[in-house]
Amino acid sequence: MRLFFFAHLAPEERKAIALRHLHSIEQMSAQLDAARPEIGTRADRFQFLCYEFGIRMFHDMASNLGDIINALEEERTEDAQ
């Protein structure tokens, strides 16, 4: 939701928010990755499919945030010129 209103924030705030969110997503992704051995031995087929869905979701969110951060960097470069 914050991304929707990014235009109302200062450029520094935009980048700080995006970086904090990316960091939290990366932490959650790492926790999910660390749980793989336990989940793999305890989960049934459908539980494991849900787990893999979560892995993909966090990977996609991190990728999208990376794109946003790159766009913010490009915006700062253009503004500096």
N, C-alpha and C. Protein backbone atom coordinates (compact mmCIF):
# COMPACT_ATOMS: atom_id res chain seq x y z
N MET A 1 0.82 -1.18 0.00
CA MET A 1 0.00 0.00 0.00
C MET A 1 0.87 1.26 0.00
N ARG A 2 1.98 1.21 0.72
CA ARG A 2 2.85 2.39 0.74
C ARG A 2 3.36 2.71 -0.65
N LEU A 3 3.67 1.71 -1.42
CA LEU A 3 4.16 1.93 -2.78
C LEU A 3 3.16 2.76 -3.59
N PHE A 4 1.89 2.50 -3.39
CA PHE A 4 0.85 3.23 -4.12
C PHE A 4 0.95 4.73 -3.86
N PHE A 5 1.39 5.10 -2.65
CA PHE A 5 1.48 6.51 -2.27
C PHE A 5 2.91 7.04 -2.25
N PHE A 6 3.83 6.34 -2.88
CA PHE A 6 5.23 6.76 -2.88
C PHE A 6 5.42 8.17 -3.43
N ALA A 7 4.59 8.59 -4.35
CA ALA A 7 4.74 9.92 -4.94
C ALA A 7 4.62 11.03 -3.90
N HIS A 8 4.00 10.71 -2.75
CA HIS A 8 3.81 11.71 -1.70
C HIS A 8 4.96 11.75 -0.71
N LEU A 9 5.97 10.91 -0.92
CA LEU A 9 7.11 10.84 -0.01
C LEU A 9 8.35 11.44 -0.67
N ALA A 10 9.26 11.87 0.16
CA ALA A 10 10.55 12.35 -0.34
C ALA A 10 11.34 11.16 -0.89
N PRO A 11 12.19 11.40 -1.89
CA PRO A 11 12.96 10.29 -2.49
C PRO A 11 13.74 9.46 -1.47
N GLU A 12 14.30 10.12 -0.44
CA GLU A 12 15.07 9.36 0.57
C GLU A 12 14.16 8.43 1.35
N GLU A 13 12.94 8.89 1.64
CA GLU A 13 11.99 8.06 2.36
C GLU A 13 11.57 6.86 1.53
N ARG A 14 11.37 7.08 0.25
CA ARG A 14 10.98 5.98 -0.65
C ARG A 14 12.01 4.87 -0.61
N LYS A 15 13.27 5.26 -0.80
CA LYS A 15 14.32 4.25 -0.85
C LYS A 15 14.48 3.56 0.50
N ALA A 16 14.42 4.31 1.60
CA ALA A 16 14.56 3.71 2.92
C ALA A 16 13.45 2.69 3.19
N ILE A 17 12.24 3.03 2.84
CA ILE A 17 11.11 2.11 3.03
C ILE A 17 11.29 0.87 2.18
N ALA A 18 11.65 1.06 0.92
CA ALA A 18 11.82 -0.08 0.02
C ALA A 18 12.95 -0.99 0.50
N LEU A 19 14.05 -0.42 0.96
CA LEU A 19 15.17 -1.23 1.45
C LEU A 19 14.80 -1.98 2.73
N ARG A 20 14.07 -1.32 3.63
CA ARG A 20 13.64 -2.01 4.86
C ARG A 20 12.71 -3.18 4.53
N HIS A 21 11.80 -2.95 3.61
CA HIS A 21 10.86 -4.01 3.23
C HIS A 21 11.61 -5.16 2.55
N LEU A 22 12.55 -4.83 1.69
CA LEU A 22 13.35 -5.87 1.03
C LEU A 22 14.12 -6.68 2.07
N HIS A 23 14.69 -6.01 3.04
CA HIS A 23 15.44 -6.71 4.10
C HIS A 23 14.53 -7.68 4.86
N SER A 24 13.32 -7.24 5.20
CA SER A 24 12.41 -8.12 5.94
C SER A 24 11.98 -9.31 5.08
N ILE A 25 11.78 -9.10 3.80
CA ILE A 25 11.42 -10.20 2.90
C ILE A 25 12.58 -11.18 2.78
N GLU A 26 13.80 -10.66 2.67
CA GLU A 26 14.96 -11.54 2.59
C GLU A 26 15.13 -12.37 3.86
N GLN A 27 14.85 -11.77 5.01
CA GLN A 27 14.92 -12.51 6.28
C GLN A 27 13.90 -13.63 6.32
N MET A 28 12.67 -13.32 5.93
CA MET A 28 11.62 -14.34 5.93
C MET A 28 11.96 -15.45 4.94
N SER A 29 12.47 -15.09 3.80
CA SER A 29 12.87 -16.09 2.80
C SER A 29 13.97 -16.99 3.35
N ALA A 30 14.93 -16.42 4.05
CA ALA A 30 16.00 -17.21 4.65
C ALA A 30 15.46 -18.17 5.71
N GLN A 31 14.50 -17.70 6.48
CA GLN A 31 13.89 -18.57 7.48
C GLN A 31 13.14 -19.73 6.83
N LEU A 32 12.45 -19.44 5.76
CA LEU A 32 11.75 -20.51 5.03
C LEU A 32 12.74 -21.51 4.45
N ASP A 33 13.81 -21.01 3.87
CA ASP A 33 14.84 -21.90 3.33
C ASP A 33 15.44 -22.78 4.42
N ALA A 34 15.68 -22.20 5.59
CA ALA A 34 16.27 -22.96 6.69
C ALA A 34 15.32 -24.05 7.19
N ALA A 35 14.03 -23.86 7.03
CA ALA A 35 13.05 -24.83 7.49
C ALA A 35 12.83 -25.98 6.51
N ARG A 36 13.42 -25.89 5.32
CA ARG A 36 13.18 -26.90 4.28
C ARG A 36 13.41 -28.33 4.76
N PRO A 37 14.52 -28.65 5.44
CA PRO A 37 14.72 -30.05 5.86
C PRO A 37 13.59 -30.56 6.76
N GLU A 38 13.19 -29.75 7.70
CA GLU A 38 12.13 -30.18 8.61
C GLU A 38 10.79 -30.29 7.89
N ILE A 39 10.50 -29.31 7.07
CA ILE A 39 9.24 -29.33 6.33
C ILE A 39 9.21 -30.51 5.37
N GLY A 40 10.34 -30.76 4.72
CA GLY A 40 10.41 -31.87 3.78
C GLY A 40 10.15 -33.22 4.41
N THR A 41 10.51 -33.39 5.68
CA THR A 41 10.29 -34.68 6.33
C THR A 41 8.93 -34.78 7.01
N ARG A 42 8.29 -33.66 7.30
CA ARG A 42 7.03 -33.69 8.06
C ARG A 42 5.79 -33.36 7.25
N ALA A 43 5.95 -32.61 6.19
CA ALA A 43 4.79 -32.12 5.44
C ALA A 43 4.26 -33.18 4.48
N ASP A 44 2.94 -33.18 4.31
CA ASP A 44 2.38 -34.02 3.26
C ASP A 44 2.55 -33.30 1.92
N ARG A 45 2.11 -33.91 0.89
CA ARG A 45 2.31 -33.37 -0.47
C ARG A 45 1.75 -31.96 -0.60
N PHE A 46 0.54 -31.74 -0.08
CA PHE A 46 -0.12 -30.45 -0.26
C PHE A 46 0.48 -29.38 0.65
N GLN A 47 0.90 -29.77 1.83
CA GLN A 47 1.59 -28.84 2.70
C GLN A 47 2.91 -28.40 2.07
N PHE A 48 3.60 -29.33 1.45
CA PHE A 48 4.86 -28.98 0.79
C PHE A 48 4.62 -28.07 -0.42
N LEU A 49 3.53 -28.29 -1.14
CA LEU A 49 3.18 -27.40 -2.25
C LEU A 49 2.93 -25.98 -1.74
N CYS A 50 2.27 -25.86 -0.59
CA CYS A 50 2.04 -24.54 0.01
C CYS A 50 3.36 -23.90 0.41
N TYR A 51 4.24 -24.70 0.97
CA TYR A 51 5.57 -24.22 1.36
C TYR A 51 6.31 -23.68 0.13
N GLU A 52 6.31 -24.45 -0.94
CA GLU A 52 6.99 -24.00 -2.16
C GLU A 52 6.35 -22.74 -2.73
N PHE A 53 5.03 -22.63 -2.61
CA PHE A 53 4.34 -21.42 -3.04
C PHE A 53 4.88 -20.22 -2.27
N GLY A 54 5.03 -20.38 -0.95
CA GLY A 54 5.57 -19.31 -0.12
C GLY A 54 6.98 -18.92 -0.53
N ILE A 55 7.80 -19.91 -0.83
CA ILE A 55 9.17 -19.64 -1.29
C ILE A 55 9.13 -18.79 -2.57
N ARG A 56 8.31 -19.21 -3.53
CA ARG A 56 8.21 -18.46 -4.79
C ARG A 56 7.66 -17.06 -4.56
N MET A 57 6.67 -16.93 -3.67
CA MET A 57 6.06 -15.63 -3.40
C MET A 57 7.09 -14.65 -2.85
N PHE A 58 7.88 -15.10 -1.87
CA PHE A 58 8.90 -14.21 -1.30
C PHE A 58 9.99 -13.91 -2.31
N HIS A 59 10.35 -14.88 -3.14
CA HIS A 59 11.35 -14.63 -4.18
C HIS A 59 10.83 -13.57 -5.16
N ASP A 60 9.57 -13.70 -5.57
CA ASP A 60 8.98 -12.72 -6.49
C ASP A 60 8.86 -11.33 -5.85
N MET A 61 8.49 -11.29 -4.57
CA MET A 61 8.40 -10.00 -3.90
C MET A 61 9.77 -9.33 -3.84
N ALA A 62 10.80 -10.10 -3.54
CA ALA A 62 12.16 -9.53 -3.49
C ALA A 62 12.58 -9.03 -4.86
N SER A 63 12.25 -9.79 -5.89
CA SER A 63 12.59 -9.38 -7.25
C SER A 63 11.87 -8.08 -7.63
N ASN A 64 10.59 -7.99 -7.29
CA ASN A 64 9.82 -6.78 -7.59
C ASN A 64 10.37 -5.59 -6.82
N LEU A 65 10.71 -5.78 -5.57
CA LEU A 65 11.30 -4.68 -4.79
C LEU A 65 12.65 -4.27 -5.36
N GLY A 66 13.41 -5.23 -5.84
CA GLY A 66 14.68 -4.90 -6.50
C GLY A 66 14.44 -3.99 -7.70
N ASP A 67 13.40 -4.29 -8.47
CA ASP A 67 13.05 -3.45 -9.62
C ASP A 67 12.66 -2.04 -9.17
N ILE A 68 11.91 -1.96 -8.08
CA ILE A 68 11.50 -0.66 -7.55
C ILE A 68 12.71 0.14 -7.08
N ILE A 69 13.61 -0.52 -6.37
CA ILE A 69 14.81 0.16 -5.88
C ILE A 69 15.66 0.65 -7.06
N ASN A 70 15.77 -0.16 -8.09
CA ASN A 70 16.50 0.27 -9.30
C ASN A 70 15.84 1.49 -9.93
N ALA A 71 14.51 1.48 -9.99
CA ALA A 71 13.79 2.63 -10.55
C ALA A 71 14.02 3.87 -9.70
N LEU A 72 14.06 3.71 -8.38
CA LEU A 72 14.32 4.85 -7.51
C LEU A 72 15.73 5.39 -7.72
N GLU A 73 16.69 4.49 -7.93
CA GLU A 73 18.07 4.91 -8.21
C GLU A 73 18.14 5.66 -9.53
N GLU A 74 17.45 5.16 -10.55
CA GLU A 74 17.43 5.84 -11.85
C GLU A 74 16.80 7.22 -11.72
N GLU A 75 15.75 7.31 -10.92
CA GLU A 75 15.08 8.59 -10.69
C GLU A 75 16.03 9.59 -10.05
N ARG A 76 16.79 9.13 -9.07
CA ARG A 76 17.77 10.02 -8.41
C ARG A 76 18.85 10.46 -9.37
N THR A 77 19.31 9.56 -10.23
CA THR A 77 20.33 9.89 -11.22
C THR A 77 19.80 10.94 -12.20
N GLU A 78 18.56 10.75 -12.65
CA GLU A 78 17.97 11.71 -13.58
C GLU A 78 17.78 13.07 -12.93
N ASP A 79 17.36 13.07 -11.66
CA ASP A 79 17.15 14.33 -10.95
C ASP A 79 18.47 15.07 -10.72
N ALA A 80 19.56 14.33 -10.56
CA ALA A 80 20.87 14.93 -10.32
C ALA A 80 21.44 15.59 -11.58
N GLN A 81 20.97 15.16 -12.72
CA GLN A 81 21.51 15.70 -13.98
C GLN A 81 20.82 16.94 -14.35
